[in-house]
Amino acid sequence: MREINWRIALFEMLIVVVGILIAFRVDEWKDTRAEEREVSASLARLADDFVGNRLLCETLSTEVRVNHDAVWHVYTSLQEGHVIGGDSEKFERGLVNADFIPQIPISTLGYREMIATGLLRSLKDVDLAVELGLLETELENSRVQIPYYRVGPAALASELRDVVDFQYTDSPDQPGVRFDFADLVGNRRIRNLYFETVDSHGDVAFHLTRICDLVDRISVRLAHYQARPDELPEPLTTPRRDR
């Protein structure tokens, strides 16, 4: 029987063990690379979402602010008994758009996809993941609250239909109105409903400001993270949008 050379046997076992460890490391490297590619793809889709989200915020913020100013203009004009500053255009806008309480259709599909696939845990920028979660929470709060905010403006719009003739001017995109200002001033219910409607428009503007501030911050962090994933930024702040 041939004598076993333990040194050679141990050397061969060592080679096998090292080979297995290397294979494991190669598999881990492959898995990491595959996960990094998946994260990059998800971040690209997330970035596309936020390009649209920022544009939506710019448009909707302007509309909400203009309409809030208009309903306030009608309210103060009715309280004073004359159209403030003679601004009939703003007054008419406050009549036409009294019940304009929009949803805030910010997209978080990319974020929810990252949660569903578990890729959110792979983000190195923890603050980015936290702010994405905060945005989802703010959006959910707005979805719950906005139907409540519509109650007063909807009641106001119903009252206005009894004393205001709504009509189109040169095109369907340019609604106009005919009314007797004295009838509006003398209608206590309409004056009181405008009081409530001013608050409703202000509340929607508040929600929109919080949401769009988050959209701005996330967009900045996201761009930084995509460009330099290993160089995380300091906590970023952006100027608050006007209500």
Protein backbone atom coordinates (compact mmCIF):
# COMPACT_ATOMS: atom_id res chain seq x y z
CA MET A 1 0.00 0.00 0.00
CA ARG A 2 1.41 3.36 -1.08
CA GLU A 3 2.17 5.81 1.71
CA ILE A 4 0.10 9.02 1.60
CA ASN A 5 2.07 12.20 1.15
CA TRP A 6 0.20 14.43 3.58
CA ARG A 7 1.93 17.56 2.41
CA ILE A 8 0.72 17.02 -1.13
CA ALA A 9 -2.73 16.03 0.07
CA LEU A 10 -3.01 19.13 2.23
CA PHE A 11 -1.74 21.26 -0.66
CA GLU A 12 -4.36 19.75 -2.99
CA MET A 13 -7.10 20.31 -0.38
CA LEU A 14 -5.94 23.90 0.00
CA ILE A 15 -6.16 24.39 -3.76
CA VAL A 16 -9.71 22.99 -3.76
CA VAL A 17 -10.78 25.22 -0.86
CA VAL A 18 -9.19 28.29 -2.46
CA GLY A 19 -10.88 27.40 -5.75
CA ILE A 20 -14.26 27.14 -4.02
CA LEU A 21 -13.73 30.48 -2.24
CA ILE A 22 -12.73 32.13 -5.49
CA ALA A 23 -15.82 30.68 -7.17
CA PHE A 24 -17.97 32.06 -4.35
CA ARG A 25 -16.34 35.48 -4.67
CA VAL A 26 -16.85 35.43 -8.45
CA ASP A 27 -20.52 34.55 -7.94
CA GLU A 28 -20.87 37.35 -5.37
CA TRP A 29 -19.18 39.77 -7.75
CA LYS A 30 -21.53 38.72 -10.54
CA ASP A 31 -24.56 39.09 -8.25
CA THR A 32 -23.36 42.52 -7.09
CA ARG A 33 -22.79 43.67 -10.66
CA ALA A 34 -26.23 42.40 -11.68
CA GLU A 35 -27.84 44.17 -8.72
CA GLU A 36 -25.96 47.39 -9.53
CA ARG A 37 -27.26 47.22 -13.11
CA GLU A 38 -30.81 46.69 -11.82
CA VAL A 39 -30.47 49.59 -9.39
CA SER A 40 -29.11 51.83 -12.16
CA ALA A 41 -32.04 50.90 -14.41
CA SER A 42 -34.53 51.59 -11.60
CA LEU A 43 -32.86 54.91 -10.84
CA ALA A 44 -33.10 55.87 -14.51
CA ARG A 45 -36.85 55.16 -14.45
CA LEU A 46 -37.12 57.09 -11.17
CA ALA A 47 -35.27 60.02 -12.75
CA ASP A 48 -37.73 59.99 -15.66
CA ASP A 49 -40.59 60.15 -13.14
CA PHE A 50 -39.08 63.19 -11.49
CA VAL A 51 -38.46 65.08 -14.72
CA GLY A 52 -42.22 64.90 -15.24
CA ASN A 53 -42.91 65.58 -11.56
CA ARG A 54 -40.93 68.82 -11.57
CA LEU A 55 -42.70 70.05 -14.69
CA LEU A 56 -46.04 69.17 -13.14
CA CYS A 57 -45.12 71.03 -9.95
CA GLU A 58 -44.22 74.17 -11.90
CA THR A 59 -47.50 74.14 -13.82
CA LEU A 60 -49.77 73.14 -10.97
CA SER A 61 -48.13 75.48 -8.45
CA THR A 62 -48.80 78.43 -10.74
CA GLU A 63 -52.43 77.44 -11.33
CA VAL A 64 -53.13 76.83 -7.65
CA ARG A 65 -51.51 80.11 -6.60
CA VAL A 66 -53.37 82.13 -9.25
CA ASN A 67 -56.73 80.59 -8.33
CA HIS A 68 -56.09 81.05 -4.61
CA ASP A 69 -55.39 84.74 -5.26
CA ALA A 70 -58.56 84.98 -7.37
CA VAL A 71 -60.93 83.47 -4.78
CA TRP A 72 -59.37 85.72 -2.12
CA HIS A 73 -59.95 88.67 -4.44
CA VAL A 74 -63.64 87.77 -4.77
CA TYR A 75 -63.99 87.29 -1.00
CA THR A 76 -62.40 90.65 -0.14
CA SER A 77 -64.35 92.40 -2.90
CA LEU A 78 -67.66 91.05 -1.56
CA GLN A 79 -66.68 92.10 1.96
CA GLU A 80 -65.75 95.62 0.80
CA GLY A 81 -68.78 95.99 -1.49
CA HIS A 82 -66.78 96.77 -4.63
CA VAL A 83 -64.35 95.00 -6.95
CA ILE A 84 -60.95 95.61 -5.38
CA GLY A 85 -58.71 97.63 -7.68
CA GLY A 86 -61.32 97.40 -10.41
CA ASP A 87 -59.73 94.08 -11.42
CA SER A 88 -62.75 92.47 -13.08
CA GLU A 89 -60.61 89.81 -14.79
CA LYS A 90 -59.34 88.45 -11.47
CA PHE A 91 -62.85 88.70 -10.00
CA GLU A 92 -64.31 86.66 -12.86
CA ARG A 93 -61.56 84.07 -12.51
CA GLY A 94 -62.49 83.74 -8.85
CA LEU A 95 -66.06 83.00 -9.89
CA VAL A 96 -65.23 80.54 -12.67
CA ASN A 97 -62.54 78.61 -10.78
CA ALA A 98 -64.00 78.74 -7.28
CA ASP A 99 -64.25 74.95 -7.16
CA PHE A 100 -60.89 74.23 -8.83
CA ILE A 101 -59.37 71.90 -6.20
CA PRO A 102 -57.04 69.56 -8.11
CA GLN A 103 -55.54 66.26 -7.15
CA ILE A 104 -51.73 66.27 -7.07
CA PRO A 105 -50.79 63.53 -9.57
CA ILE A 106 -47.11 63.17 -8.69
CA SER A 107 -45.73 59.82 -9.92
CA THR A 108 -43.95 57.48 -7.49
CA LEU A 109 -44.10 54.37 -9.68
CA GLY A 110 -40.31 54.04 -9.80
CA TYR A 111 -40.09 54.22 -6.01
CA ARG A 112 -42.81 51.62 -5.51
CA GLU A 113 -41.08 49.38 -8.04
CA MET A 114 -37.84 49.61 -6.04
CA ILE A 115 -39.72 48.65 -2.87
CA ALA A 116 -41.42 45.69 -4.57
CA THR A 117 -38.13 44.34 -5.96
CA GLY A 118 -36.15 45.02 -2.78
CA LEU A 119 -33.75 47.30 -4.65
CA LEU A 120 -34.46 50.25 -2.35
CA ARG A 121 -32.26 48.55 0.28
CA SER A 122 -29.35 48.74 -2.16
CA LEU A 123 -29.35 52.55 -2.28
CA LYS A 124 -26.21 53.91 -0.65
CA ASP A 125 -27.85 57.30 -0.15
CA VAL A 126 -30.09 56.60 2.84
CA ASP A 127 -31.39 60.19 2.87
CA LEU A 128 -32.65 59.74 -0.70
CA ALA A 129 -34.59 56.63 0.33
CA VAL A 130 -36.01 58.46 3.37
CA GLU A 131 -37.17 61.45 1.34
CA LEU A 132 -38.81 59.16 -1.23
CA GLY A 133 -40.75 57.60 1.65
CA LEU A 134 -41.71 61.04 2.97
CA LEU A 135 -42.99 62.01 -0.47
CA GLU A 136 -45.19 58.91 -0.63
CA THR A 137 -46.58 59.79 2.82
CA GLU A 138 -47.31 63.40 1.82
CA LEU A 139 -49.06 62.24 -1.34
CA GLU A 140 -51.21 59.81 0.63
CA ASN A 141 -52.15 62.59 3.07
CA SER A 142 -53.18 64.81 0.16
CA ARG A 143 -55.32 62.03 -1.36
CA VAL A 144 -57.17 61.69 1.94
CA GLN A 145 -57.57 65.42 2.60
CA ILE A 146 -58.38 66.86 -0.85
CA PRO A 147 -61.87 65.31 -1.13
CA TYR A 148 -62.68 67.06 2.17
CA TYR A 149 -61.33 70.36 0.86
CA ARG A 150 -63.68 70.11 -2.15
CA VAL A 151 -66.87 70.14 -0.06
CA GLY A 152 -67.08 73.91 0.54
CA PRO A 153 -66.04 74.96 -2.99
CA ALA A 154 -68.52 72.49 -4.49
CA ALA A 155 -71.33 74.00 -2.39
CA LEU A 156 -70.20 77.48 -3.47
CA ALA A 157 -70.21 76.51 -7.15
CA SER A 158 -73.77 75.22 -6.74
CA GLU A 159 -74.88 78.52 -5.19
CA LEU A 160 -73.12 80.55 -7.89
CA ARG A 161 -75.01 78.72 -10.63
CA ASP A 162 -78.22 80.32 -9.28
CA VAL A 163 -76.98 83.91 -9.61
CA VAL A 164 -74.22 83.80 -12.28
CA ASP A 165 -74.50 83.01 -15.98
CA PHE A 166 -71.45 81.04 -17.08
CA GLN A 167 -70.69 81.25 -20.80
CA TYR A 168 -67.95 80.86 -23.36
CA THR A 169 -66.45 83.91 -25.01
CA ASP A 170 -64.34 83.47 -28.16
CA SER A 171 -63.42 79.84 -27.50
CA PRO A 172 -64.20 76.96 -25.10
CA ASP A 173 -60.86 77.69 -23.39
CA GLN A 174 -61.99 81.17 -22.38
CA PRO A 175 -65.04 80.91 -20.08
CA GLY A 176 -66.81 84.11 -19.14
CA VAL A 177 -69.53 85.15 -16.72
CA ARG A 178 -72.43 87.56 -16.44
CA PHE A 179 -73.67 88.59 -13.00
CA ASP A 180 -75.17 91.36 -10.91
CA PHE A 181 -72.53 92.38 -8.39
CA ALA A 182 -75.20 93.64 -5.97
CA ASP A 183 -76.79 90.16 -5.95
CA LEU A 184 -73.48 88.60 -4.96
CA VAL A 185 -72.80 91.18 -2.24
CA GLY A 186 -76.28 90.71 -0.81
CA ASN A 187 -76.04 86.91 -0.69
CA ARG A 188 -74.75 86.03 2.79
CA ARG A 189 -74.41 82.33 2.02
CA ILE A 190 -72.17 83.03 -0.97
CA ARG A 191 -70.00 85.37 1.10
CA ASN A 192 -69.66 82.78 3.85
CA LEU A 193 -68.90 79.99 1.36
CA TYR A 194 -66.15 82.13 -0.17
CA PHE A 195 -64.66 82.41 3.31
CA GLU A 196 -64.50 78.59 3.47
CA THR A 197 -63.30 78.33 -0.12
CA VAL A 198 -60.34 80.64 0.51
CA ASP A 199 -59.25 78.25 3.28
CA SER A 200 -59.70 75.21 1.02
CA HIS A 201 -57.54 76.72 -1.73
CA GLY A 202 -54.94 77.70 0.87
CA ASP A 203 -54.86 74.16 2.29
CA VAL A 204 -54.32 72.67 -1.18
CA ALA A 205 -51.53 75.18 -1.80
CA PHE A 206 -49.94 74.11 1.50
CA HIS A 207 -50.02 70.42 0.54
CA LEU A 208 -48.66 71.20 -2.92
CA THR A 209 -45.81 73.28 -1.48
CA ARG A 210 -44.71 70.48 0.85
CA ILE A 211 -44.91 67.90 -1.94
CA CYS A 212 -43.10 70.01 -4.53
CA ASP A 213 -40.36 70.93 -2.04
CA LEU A 214 -39.73 67.20 -1.62
CA VAL A 215 -39.81 66.68 -5.40
CA ASP A 216 -37.14 69.37 -5.81
CA ARG A 217 -34.90 67.92 -3.09
CA ILE A 218 -35.26 64.37 -4.38
CA SER A 219 -34.48 65.47 -7.94
CA VAL A 220 -31.24 67.14 -6.81
CA ARG A 221 -30.12 64.16 -4.71
CA LEU A 222 -31.08 61.74 -7.46
CA ALA A 223 -29.04 63.58 -10.08
CA HIS A 224 -26.04 63.70 -7.73
CA TYR A 225 -26.38 60.00 -6.86
CA GLN A 226 -26.58 58.92 -10.50
CA ALA A 227 -23.52 60.97 -11.42
CA ARG A 228 -21.40 60.08 -8.36
CA PRO A 229 -22.91 57.11 -6.47
CA ASP A 230 -19.85 56.74 -4.20
CA GLU A 231 -19.79 60.43 -3.22
CA LEU A 232 -22.88 61.09 -1.16
CA PRO A 233 -23.91 64.74 -0.79
CA GLU A 234 -24.47 66.55 2.46
CA PRO A 235 -28.14 66.96 3.43
CA LEU A 236 -29.52 69.22 0.71
CA THR A 237 -32.06 71.97 1.08
CA THR A 238 -33.92 73.91 -1.60
CA PRO A 239 -35.74 77.24 -1.37
CA ARG A 240 -39.36 76.72 -0.37
CA ARG A 241 -41.91 77.37 -3.09
CA ASP A 242 -44.33 80.20 -2.51
CA ARG A 243 -47.82 79.15 -1.41
